[in-house]
PDB file of all heavy atoms in Angstrom:
ATOM      1  N   ASP A   1     144.780 169.520 173.276  1.00  0.00           N
ATOM      2  CA  ASP A   1     145.493 168.777 172.228  1.00  0.00           C
ATOM      3  C   ASP A   1     145.667 169.441 170.874  1.00  0.00           C
ATOM      4  O   ASP A   1     144.728 170.254 170.551  1.00  0.00           O
ATOM      5  CB  ASP A   1     144.578 167.447 172.020  1.00  0.00           C
ATOM      6  CG  ASP A   1     144.580 166.591 173.192  1.00  0.00           C
ATOM      7  OD1 ASP A   1     145.495 166.600 174.041  1.00  0.00           O
ATOM      8  OD2 ASP A   1     143.559 165.889 173.258  1.00  0.00           O
ATOM      9  N   LEU A   2     146.647 169.249 170.165  1.00  0.00           N
ATOM     10  CA  LEU A   2     146.815 169.582 168.751  1.00  0.00           C
ATOM     11  C   LEU A   2     146.895 168.319 168.011  1.00  0.00           C
ATOM     12  O   LEU A   2     147.820 167.458 168.111  1.00  0.00           O
ATOM     13  CB  LEU A   2     148.145 170.398 168.567  1.00  0.00           C
ATOM     14  CG  LEU A   2     148.256 171.759 169.241  1.00  0.00           C
ATOM     15  CD1 LEU A   2     149.625 172.323 168.948  1.00  0.00           C
ATOM     16  CD2 LEU A   2     147.152 172.675 168.410  1.00  0.00           C
ATOM     17  N   THR A   3     146.074 168.157 166.982  1.00  0.00           N
ATOM     18  CA  THR A   3     146.016 167.058 166.091  1.00  0.00           C
ATOM     19  C   THR A   3     146.556 167.487 164.812  1.00  0.00           C
ATOM     20  O   THR A   3     146.063 168.418 164.157  1.00  0.00           O
ATOM     21  CB  THR A   3     144.551 166.466 165.995  1.00  0.00           C
ATOM     22  OG1 THR A   3     144.003 166.130 167.159  1.00  0.00           O
ATOM     23  CG2 THR A   3     144.537 165.278 165.096  1.00  0.00           C
ATOM     24  N   ILE A   4     147.691 166.778 164.422  1.00  0.00           N
ATOM     25  CA  ILE A   4     148.261 167.137 163.102  1.00  0.00           C
ATOM     26  C   ILE A   4     147.949 165.925 162.177  1.00  0.00           C
ATOM     27  O   ILE A   4     148.239 164.805 162.515  1.00  0.00           O
ATOM     28  CB  ILE A   4     149.794 167.267 163.279  1.00  0.00           C
ATOM     29  CG1 ILE A   4     150.118 168.400 164.294  1.00  0.00           C
ATOM     30  CG2 ILE A   4     150.483 167.529 161.976  1.00  0.00           C
ATOM     31  CD1 ILE A   4     151.467 168.581 164.722  1.00  0.00           C
ATOM     32  N   SER A   5     147.307 166.157 161.015  1.00  0.00           N
ATOM     33  CA  SER A   5     146.827 165.311 160.028  1.00  0.00           C
ATOM     34  C   SER A   5     147.372 165.611 158.635  1.00  0.00           C
ATOM     35  O   SER A   5     147.547 166.761 158.329  1.00  0.00           O
ATOM     36  CB  SER A   5     145.393 165.229 160.032  1.00  0.00           C
ATOM     37  OG  SER A   5     144.861 164.925 161.238  1.00  0.00           O
ATOM     38  N   ALA A   6     147.649 164.550 157.911  1.00  0.00           N
ATOM     39  CA  ALA A   6     148.035 164.672 156.473  1.00  0.00           C
ATOM     40  C   ALA A   6     146.953 164.228 155.562  1.00  0.00           C
ATOM     41  O   ALA A   6     146.260 163.204 155.914  1.00  0.00           O
ATOM     42  CB  ALA A   6     149.251 163.889 156.180  1.00  0.00           C
ATOM     43  N   THR A   7     146.621 164.916 154.530  1.00  0.00           N
ATOM     44  CA  THR A   7     145.624 164.543 153.614  1.00  0.00           C
ATOM     45  C   THR A   7     146.121 164.468 152.183  1.00  0.00           C
ATOM     46  O   THR A   7     147.277 164.937 151.938  1.00  0.00           O
ATOM     47  CB  THR A   7     144.451 165.611 153.586  1.00  0.00           C
ATOM     48  OG1 THR A   7     144.970 166.850 153.269  1.00  0.00           O
ATOM     49  CG2 THR A   7     143.793 165.700 154.888  1.00  0.00           C
ATOM     50  N   GLY A   8     145.379 163.996 151.276  1.00  0.00           N
ATOM     51  CA  GLY A   8     145.791 163.870 150.001  1.00  0.00           C
ATOM     52  C   GLY A   8     146.837 162.820 149.674  1.00  0.00           C
ATOM     53  O   GLY A   8     147.058 161.888 150.495  1.00  0.00           O
ATOM     54  N   GLY A   9     147.515 162.929 148.596  1.00  0.00           N
ATOM     55  CA  GLY A   9     148.596 162.109 148.245  1.00  0.00           C
ATOM     56  C   GLY A   9     148.088 160.652 147.977  1.00  0.00           C
ATOM     57  O   GLY A   9     148.778 159.632 148.427  1.00  0.00           O
ATOM     58  N   GLY A  10     147.020 160.497 147.421  1.00  0.00           N
ATOM     59  CA  GLY A  10     146.322 159.156 147.240  1.00  0.00           C
ATOM     60  C   GLY A  10     147.139 158.239 146.506  1.00  0.00           C
ATOM     61  O   GLY A  10     146.859 157.047 146.349  1.00  0.00           O
ATOM     62  N   GLY A  11     148.307 158.532 145.959  1.00  0.00           N
ATOM     63  CA  GLY A  11     149.125 157.839 145.145  1.00  0.00           C
ATOM     64  C   GLY A  11     148.582 157.406 143.894  1.00  0.00           C
ATOM     65  O   GLY A  11     147.880 158.102 143.298  1.00  0.00           O
ATOM     66  N   GLY A  12     148.973 156.202 143.446  1.00  0.00           N
ATOM     67  CA  GLY A  12     148.454 155.705 142.265  1.00  0.00           C
ATOM     68  C   GLY A  12     149.602 155.200 141.403  1.00  0.00           C
ATOM     69  O   GLY A  12     150.777 155.350 141.798  1.00  0.00           O
ATOM     70  N   GLY A  13     149.324 154.681 140.178  1.00  0.00           N
ATOM     71  CA  GLY A  13     150.291 154.300 139.301  1.00  0.00           C
ATOM     72  C   GLY A  13     150.446 152.833 139.298  1.00  0.00           C
ATOM     73  O   GLY A  13     149.606 152.083 139.906  1.00  0.00           O
ATOM     74  N   THR A  14     151.290 152.294 138.711  1.00  0.00           N
ATOM     75  CA  THR A  14     151.470 150.862 138.473  1.00  0.00           C
ATOM     76  C   THR A  14     152.923 150.416 138.730  1.00  0.00           C
ATOM     77  O   THR A  14     153.808 151.063 138.412  1.00  0.00           O
ATOM     78  CB  THR A  14     151.097 150.474 136.999  1.00  0.00           C
ATOM     79  OG1 THR A  14     149.859 150.853 136.713  1.00  0.00           O
ATOM     80  CG2 THR A  14     151.240 148.936 136.805  1.00  0.00           C
ATOM     81  N   SER A  15     153.006 149.322 139.471  1.00  0.00           N
ATOM     82  CA  SER A  15     154.298 148.634 139.622  1.00  0.00           C
ATOM     83  C   SER A  15     154.358 147.437 138.794  1.00  0.00           C
ATOM     84  O   SER A  15     153.681 146.499 138.989  1.00  0.00           O
ATOM     85  CB  SER A  15     154.499 148.301 141.195  1.00  0.00           C
ATOM     86  OG  SER A  15     155.566 147.321 141.158  1.00  0.00           O
ATOM     87  N   ASN A  16     155.140 147.546 137.703  1.00  0.00           N
ATOM     88  CA  ASN A  16     155.310 146.368 136.757  1.00  0.00           C
ATOM     89  C   ASN A  16     155.906 145.228 137.408  1.00  0.00           C
ATOM     90  O   ASN A  16     155.616 144.017 137.198  1.00  0.00           O
ATOM     91  CB  ASN A  16     155.991 146.785 135.442  1.00  0.00           C
ATOM     92  CG  ASN A  16     155.175 147.743 134.729  1.00  0.00           C
ATOM     93  OD1 ASN A  16     153.978 147.660 134.758  1.00  0.00           O
ATOM     94  ND2 ASN A  16     155.848 148.739 134.091  1.00  0.00           N
ATOM     95  N   SER A  17     156.945 145.373 138.251  1.00  0.00           N
ATOM     96  CA  SER A  17     157.578 144.408 138.927  1.00  0.00           C
ATOM     97  C   SER A  17     158.457 144.915 140.033  1.00  0.00           C
ATOM     98  O   SER A  17     159.134 145.869 139.796  1.00  0.00           O
ATOM     99  CB  SER A  17     158.609 143.614 137.866  1.00  0.00           C
ATOM    100  OG  SER A  17     159.301 142.577 138.549  1.00  0.00           O
ATOM    101  N   GLY A  18     158.293 144.288 141.197  1.00  0.00           N
ATOM    102  CA  GLY A  18     159.115 144.729 142.329  1.00  0.00           C
ATOM    103  C   GLY A  18     160.540 144.481 142.071  1.00  0.00           C
ATOM    104  O   GLY A  18     161.487 145.069 142.801  1.00  0.00           O
ATOM    105  N   GLU A  19     160.888 143.619 141.179  1.00  0.00           N
ATOM    106  CA  GLU A  19     162.290 143.255 141.024  1.00  0.00           C
ATOM    107  C   GLU A  19     163.151 144.420 140.451  1.00  0.00           C
ATOM    108  O   GLU A  19     164.398 144.359 140.444  1.00  0.00           O
ATOM    109  CB  GLU A  19     162.444 142.075 140.074  1.00  0.00           C
ATOM    110  CG  GLU A  19     161.755 140.822 140.730  1.00  0.00           C
ATOM    111  CD  GLU A  19     161.648 139.662 139.671  1.00  0.00           C
ATOM    112  OE1 GLU A  19     162.209 139.678 138.613  1.00  0.00           O
ATOM    113  OE2 GLU A  19     161.009 138.635 140.148  1.00  0.00           O
ATOM    114  N   TYR A  20     162.590 145.431 139.993  1.00  0.00           N
ATOM    115  CA  TYR A  20     163.298 146.653 139.524  1.00  0.00           C
ATOM    116  C   TYR A  20     163.848 147.445 140.599  1.00  0.00           C
ATOM    117  O   TYR A  20     164.723 148.247 140.368  1.00  0.00           O
ATOM    118  CB  TYR A  20     162.420 147.539 138.559  1.00  0.00           C
ATOM    119  CG  TYR A  20     161.989 146.902 137.263  1.00  0.00           C
ATOM    120  CD1 TYR A  20     160.706 146.649 136.974  1.00  0.00           C
ATOM    121  CD2 TYR A  20     162.961 146.631 136.287  1.00  0.00           C
ATOM    122  CE1 TYR A  20     160.365 146.017 135.747  1.00  0.00           C
ATOM    123  CE2 TYR A  20     162.581 146.037 135.140  1.00  0.00           C
ATOM    124  CZ  TYR A  20     161.278 145.712 134.815  1.00  0.00           C
ATOM    125  OH  TYR A  20     160.954 145.131 133.715  1.00  0.00           O
ATOM    126  N   TRP A  21     163.358 147.319 141.842  1.00  0.00           N
ATOM    127  CA  TRP A  21     163.809 148.050 142.951  1.00  0.00           C
ATOM    128  C   TRP A  21     164.673 147.045 143.772  1.00  0.00           C
ATOM    129  O   TRP A  21     164.506 145.916 143.949  1.00  0.00           O
ATOM    130  CB  TRP A  21     162.737 148.631 143.878  1.00  0.00           C
ATOM    131  CG  TRP A  21     161.919 149.548 143.002  1.00  0.00           C
ATOM    132  CD1 TRP A  21     162.254 150.736 142.519  1.00  0.00           C
ATOM    133  CD2 TRP A  21     160.568 149.351 142.742  1.00  0.00           C
ATOM    134  NE1 TRP A  21     161.244 151.288 141.881  1.00  0.00           N
ATOM    135  CE2 TRP A  21     160.117 150.490 141.991  1.00  0.00           C
ATOM    136  CE3 TRP A  21     159.615 148.319 142.924  1.00  0.00           C
ATOM    137  CZ2 TRP A  21     158.837 150.626 141.459  1.00  0.00           C
ATOM    138  CZ3 TRP A  21     158.370 148.558 142.464  1.00  0.00           C
ATOM    139  CH2 TRP A  21     158.001 149.665 141.747  1.00  0.00           C
ATOM    140  N   CYS A  22     165.753 147.643 144.391  1.00  0.00           N
ATOM    141  CA  CYS A  22     166.660 146.801 145.154  1.00  0.00           C
ATOM    142  C   CYS A  22     165.915 146.115 146.254  1.00  0.00           C
ATOM    143  O   CYS A  22     165.351 146.707 147.063  1.00  0.00           O
ATOM    144  CB  CYS A  22     167.860 147.772 145.700  1.00  0.00           C
ATOM    145  SG  CYS A  22     168.780 148.552 144.444  1.00  0.00           S
ATOM    146  N   GLY A  23     166.094 144.847 146.355  1.00  0.00           N
ATOM    147  CA  GLY A  23     165.561 144.058 147.413  1.00  0.00           C
ATOM    148  C   GLY A  23     164.218 143.829 147.460  1.00  0.00           C
ATOM    149  O   GLY A  23     163.745 143.188 148.443  1.00  0.00           O
ATOM    150  N   LEU A  24     163.387 144.155 146.410  1.00  0.00           N
ATOM    151  CA  LEU A  24     161.935 143.866 146.447  1.00  0.00           C
ATOM    152  C   LEU A  24     161.535 142.853 145.563  1.00  0.00           C
ATOM    153  O   LEU A  24     162.050 142.709 144.526  1.00  0.00           O
ATOM    154  CB  LEU A  24     161.216 145.134 146.117  1.00  0.00           C
ATOM    155  CG  LEU A  24     161.300 146.295 147.123  1.00  0.00           C
ATOM    156  CD1 LEU A  24     160.608 147.588 146.647  1.00  0.00           C
ATOM    157  CD2 LEU A  24     160.905 145.973 148.511  1.00  0.00           C
ATOM    158  N   THR A  25     160.522 142.133 145.846  1.00  0.00           N
ATOM    159  CA  THR A  25     159.826 141.143 144.935  1.00  0.00           C
ATOM    160  C   THR A  25     158.451 141.345 144.957  1.00  0.00           C
ATOM    161  O   THR A  25     157.886 142.028 145.908  1.00  0.00           O
ATOM    162  CB  THR A  25     160.142 139.711 145.369  1.00  0.00           C
ATOM    163  OG1 THR A  25     159.544 139.542 146.650  1.00  0.00           O
ATOM    164  CG2 THR A  25     161.580 139.309 145.429  1.00  0.00           C
ATOM    165  N   GLY A  26     157.706 140.980 143.859  1.00  0.00           N
ATOM    166  CA  GLY A  26     156.273 141.129 143.787  1.00  0.00           C
ATOM    167  C   GLY A  26     155.944 141.900 142.592  1.00  0.00           C
ATOM    168  O   GLY A  26     156.741 142.456 141.891  1.00  0.00           O
ATOM    169  N   GLY A  27     154.709 141.899 142.326  1.00  0.00           N
ATOM    170  CA  GLY A  27     154.205 142.668 141.124  1.00  0.00           C
ATOM    171  C   GLY A  27     153.828 141.651 140.068  1.00  0.00           C
ATOM    172  O   GLY A  27     154.023 140.502 140.165  1.00  0.00           O
ATOM    173  N   PRO A  28     153.087 142.125 138.953  1.00  0.00           N
ATOM    174  CA  PRO A  28     152.795 143.514 138.845  1.00  0.00           C
ATOM    175  C   PRO A  28     151.656 143.989 139.853  1.00  0.00           C
ATOM    176  O   PRO A  28     150.781 143.150 140.151  1.00  0.00           O
ATOM    177  CB  PRO A  28     152.289 143.540 137.349  1.00  0.00           C
ATOM    178  CG  PRO A  28     151.802 142.182 137.127  1.00  0.00           C
ATOM    179  CD  PRO A  28     152.565 141.247 137.877  1.00  0.00           C
ATOM    180  N   ILE A  29     151.699 145.154 140.108  1.00  0.00           N
ATOM    181  CA  ILE A  29     150.720 145.713 141.023  1.00  0.00           C
ATOM    182  C   ILE A  29     150.014 146.870 140.313  1.00  0.00           C
ATOM    183  O   ILE A  29     150.689 147.898 139.895  1.00  0.00           O
ATOM    184  CB  ILE A  29     151.230 146.196 142.410  1.00  0.00           C
ATOM    185  CG1 ILE A  29     151.822 145.075 143.124  1.00  0.00           C
ATOM    186  CG2 ILE A  29     150.153 146.961 143.212  1.00  0.00           C
ATOM    187  CD1 ILE A  29     152.490 145.388 144.447  1.00  0.00           C
ATOM    188  N   THR A  30     148.747 146.749 140.041  1.00  0.00           N
ATOM    189  CA  THR A  30     148.069 147.864 139.243  1.00  0.00           C
ATOM    190  C   THR A  30     147.117 148.671 140.177  1.00  0.00           C
ATOM    191  O   THR A  30     146.916 149.801 139.932  1.00  0.00           O
ATOM    192  CB  THR A  30     147.265 147.287 138.057  1.00  0.00           C
ATOM    193  OG1 THR A  30     146.305 146.324 138.601  1.00  0.00           O
ATOM    194  CG2 THR A  30     148.165 146.706 137.080  1.00  0.00           C
ATOM    195  N   THR A  31     146.440 148.084 141.088  1.00  0.00           N
ATOM    196  CA  THR A  31     145.589 148.852 142.073  1.00  0.00           C
ATOM    197  C   THR A  31     146.028 148.481 143.496  1.00  0.00           C
ATOM    198  O   THR A  31     146.226 149.355 144.240  1.00  0.00           O
ATOM    199  CB  THR A  31     144.145 148.373 141.840  1.00  0.00           C
ATOM    200  OG1 THR A  31     143.862 148.722 140.472  1.00  0.00           O
ATOM    201  CG2 THR A  31     143.285 149.274 142.684  1.00  0.00           C
ATOM    202  N   THR A  32     145.992 147.272 143.813  1.00  0.00           N
ATOM    203  CA  THR A  32     146.316 146.877 145.230  1.00  0.00           C
ATOM    204  C   THR A  32     147.350 145.658 145.120  1.00  0.00           C
ATOM    205  O   THR A  32     147.372 144.997 144.025  1.00  0.00           O
ATOM    206  CB  THR A  32     145.137 146.357 146.014  1.00  0.00           C
ATOM    207  OG1 THR A  32     144.499 145.360 145.363  1.00  0.00           O
ATOM    208  CG2 THR A  32     144.197 147.571 146.224  1.00  0.00           C
ATOM    209  N   GLY A  33     148.042 145.377 146.122  1.00  0.00           N
ATOM    210  CA  GLY A  33     148.944 144.296 146.029  1.00  0.00           C
ATOM    211  C   GLY A  33     150.050 144.392 147.117  1.00  0.00           C
ATOM    212  O   GLY A  33     149.864 145.270 148.020  1.00  0.00           O
ATOM    213  N   GLN A  34     151.010 143.585 147.067  1.00  0.00           N
ATOM    214  CA  GLN A  34     152.019 143.653 148.079  1.00  0.00           C
ATOM    215  C   GLN A  34     153.382 143.440 147.430  1.00  0.00           C
ATOM    216  O   GLN A  34     153.531 142.845 146.426  1.00  0.00           O
ATOM    217  CB  GLN A  34     151.852 142.407 148.985  1.00  0.00           C
ATOM    218  CG  GLN A  34     150.612 142.550 149.916  1.00  0.00           C
ATOM    219  CD  GLN A  34     150.615 141.299 150.923  1.00  0.00           C
ATOM    220  OE1 GLN A  34     151.215 140.258 150.679  1.00  0.00           O
ATOM    221  NE2 GLN A  34     149.730 141.531 151.984  1.00  0.00           N
ATOM    222  N   LEU A  35     154.381 144.060 148.067  1.00  0.00           N
ATOM    223  CA  LEU A  35     155.713 143.973 147.704  1.00  0.00           C
ATOM    224  C   LEU A  35     156.426 143.330 148.938  1.00  0.00           C
ATOM    225  O   LEU A  35     156.019 143.697 150.104  1.00  0.00           O
ATOM    226  CB  LEU A  35     156.399 145.228 147.256  1.00  0.00           C
ATOM    227  CG  LEU A  35     155.970 145.839 145.949  1.00  0.00           C
ATOM    228  CD1 LEU A  35     156.557 147.188 145.812  1.00  0.00           C
ATOM    229  CD2 LEU A  35     156.302 144.913 144.836  1.00  0.00           C
ATOM    230  N   ALA A  36     157.382 142.538 148.731  1.00  0.00           N
ATOM    231  CA  ALA A  36     158.228 142.012 149.862  1.00  0.00           C
ATOM    232  C   ALA A  36     159.575 142.126 149.732  1.00  0.00           C
ATOM    233  O   ALA A  36     160.058 142.391 148.613  1.00  0.00           O
ATOM    234  CB  ALA A  36     157.755 140.500 150.025  1.00  0.00           C
ATOM    235  N   LEU A  37     160.330 142.170 150.807  1.00  0.00           N
ATOM    236  CA  LEU A  37     161.747 142.061 150.757  1.00  0.00           C
ATOM    237  C   LEU A  37     162.362 140.752 150.423  1.00  0.00           C
ATOM    238  O   LEU A  37     161.892 139.829 151.066  1.00  0.00           O
ATOM    239  CB  LEU A  37     162.406 142.596 152.012  1.00  0.00           C
ATOM    240  CG  LEU A  37     162.270 144.134 152.384  1.00  0.00           C
ATOM    241  CD1 LEU A  37     162.789 144.451 153.716  1.00  0.00           C
ATOM    242  CD2 LEU A  37     163.102 144.863 151.396  1.00  0.00           C
ATOM    243  N   GLN A  38     163.269 140.625 149.530  1.00  0.00           N
ATOM    244  CA  GLN A  38     164.019 139.399 149.301  1.00  0.00           C
ATOM    245  C   GLN A  38     164.860 139.017 150.482  1.00  0.00           C
ATOM    246  O   GLN A  38     165.304 139.959 151.176  1.00  0.00           O
ATOM    247  CB  GLN A  38     164.903 139.505 148.034  1.00  0.00           C
ATOM    248  CG  GLN A  38     164.106 139.836 146.722  1.00  0.00           C
ATOM    249  CD  GLN A  38     165.018 140.042 145.574  1.00  0.00           C
ATOM    250  OE1 GLN A  38     166.258 139.796 145.753  1.00  0.00           O
ATOM    251  NE2 GLN A  38     164.514 140.300 144.479  1.00  0.00           N
TER     252      GLN A  38
END
């Protein structure tokens, strides 16, 4: 077997409002939360 794994990229940042992106609702998200498609 060959196991291919990705590490890092912990993300971060803040979503002030999902409404700024096409088709998304939700926010503000500062640490955890959900965005949904309209």
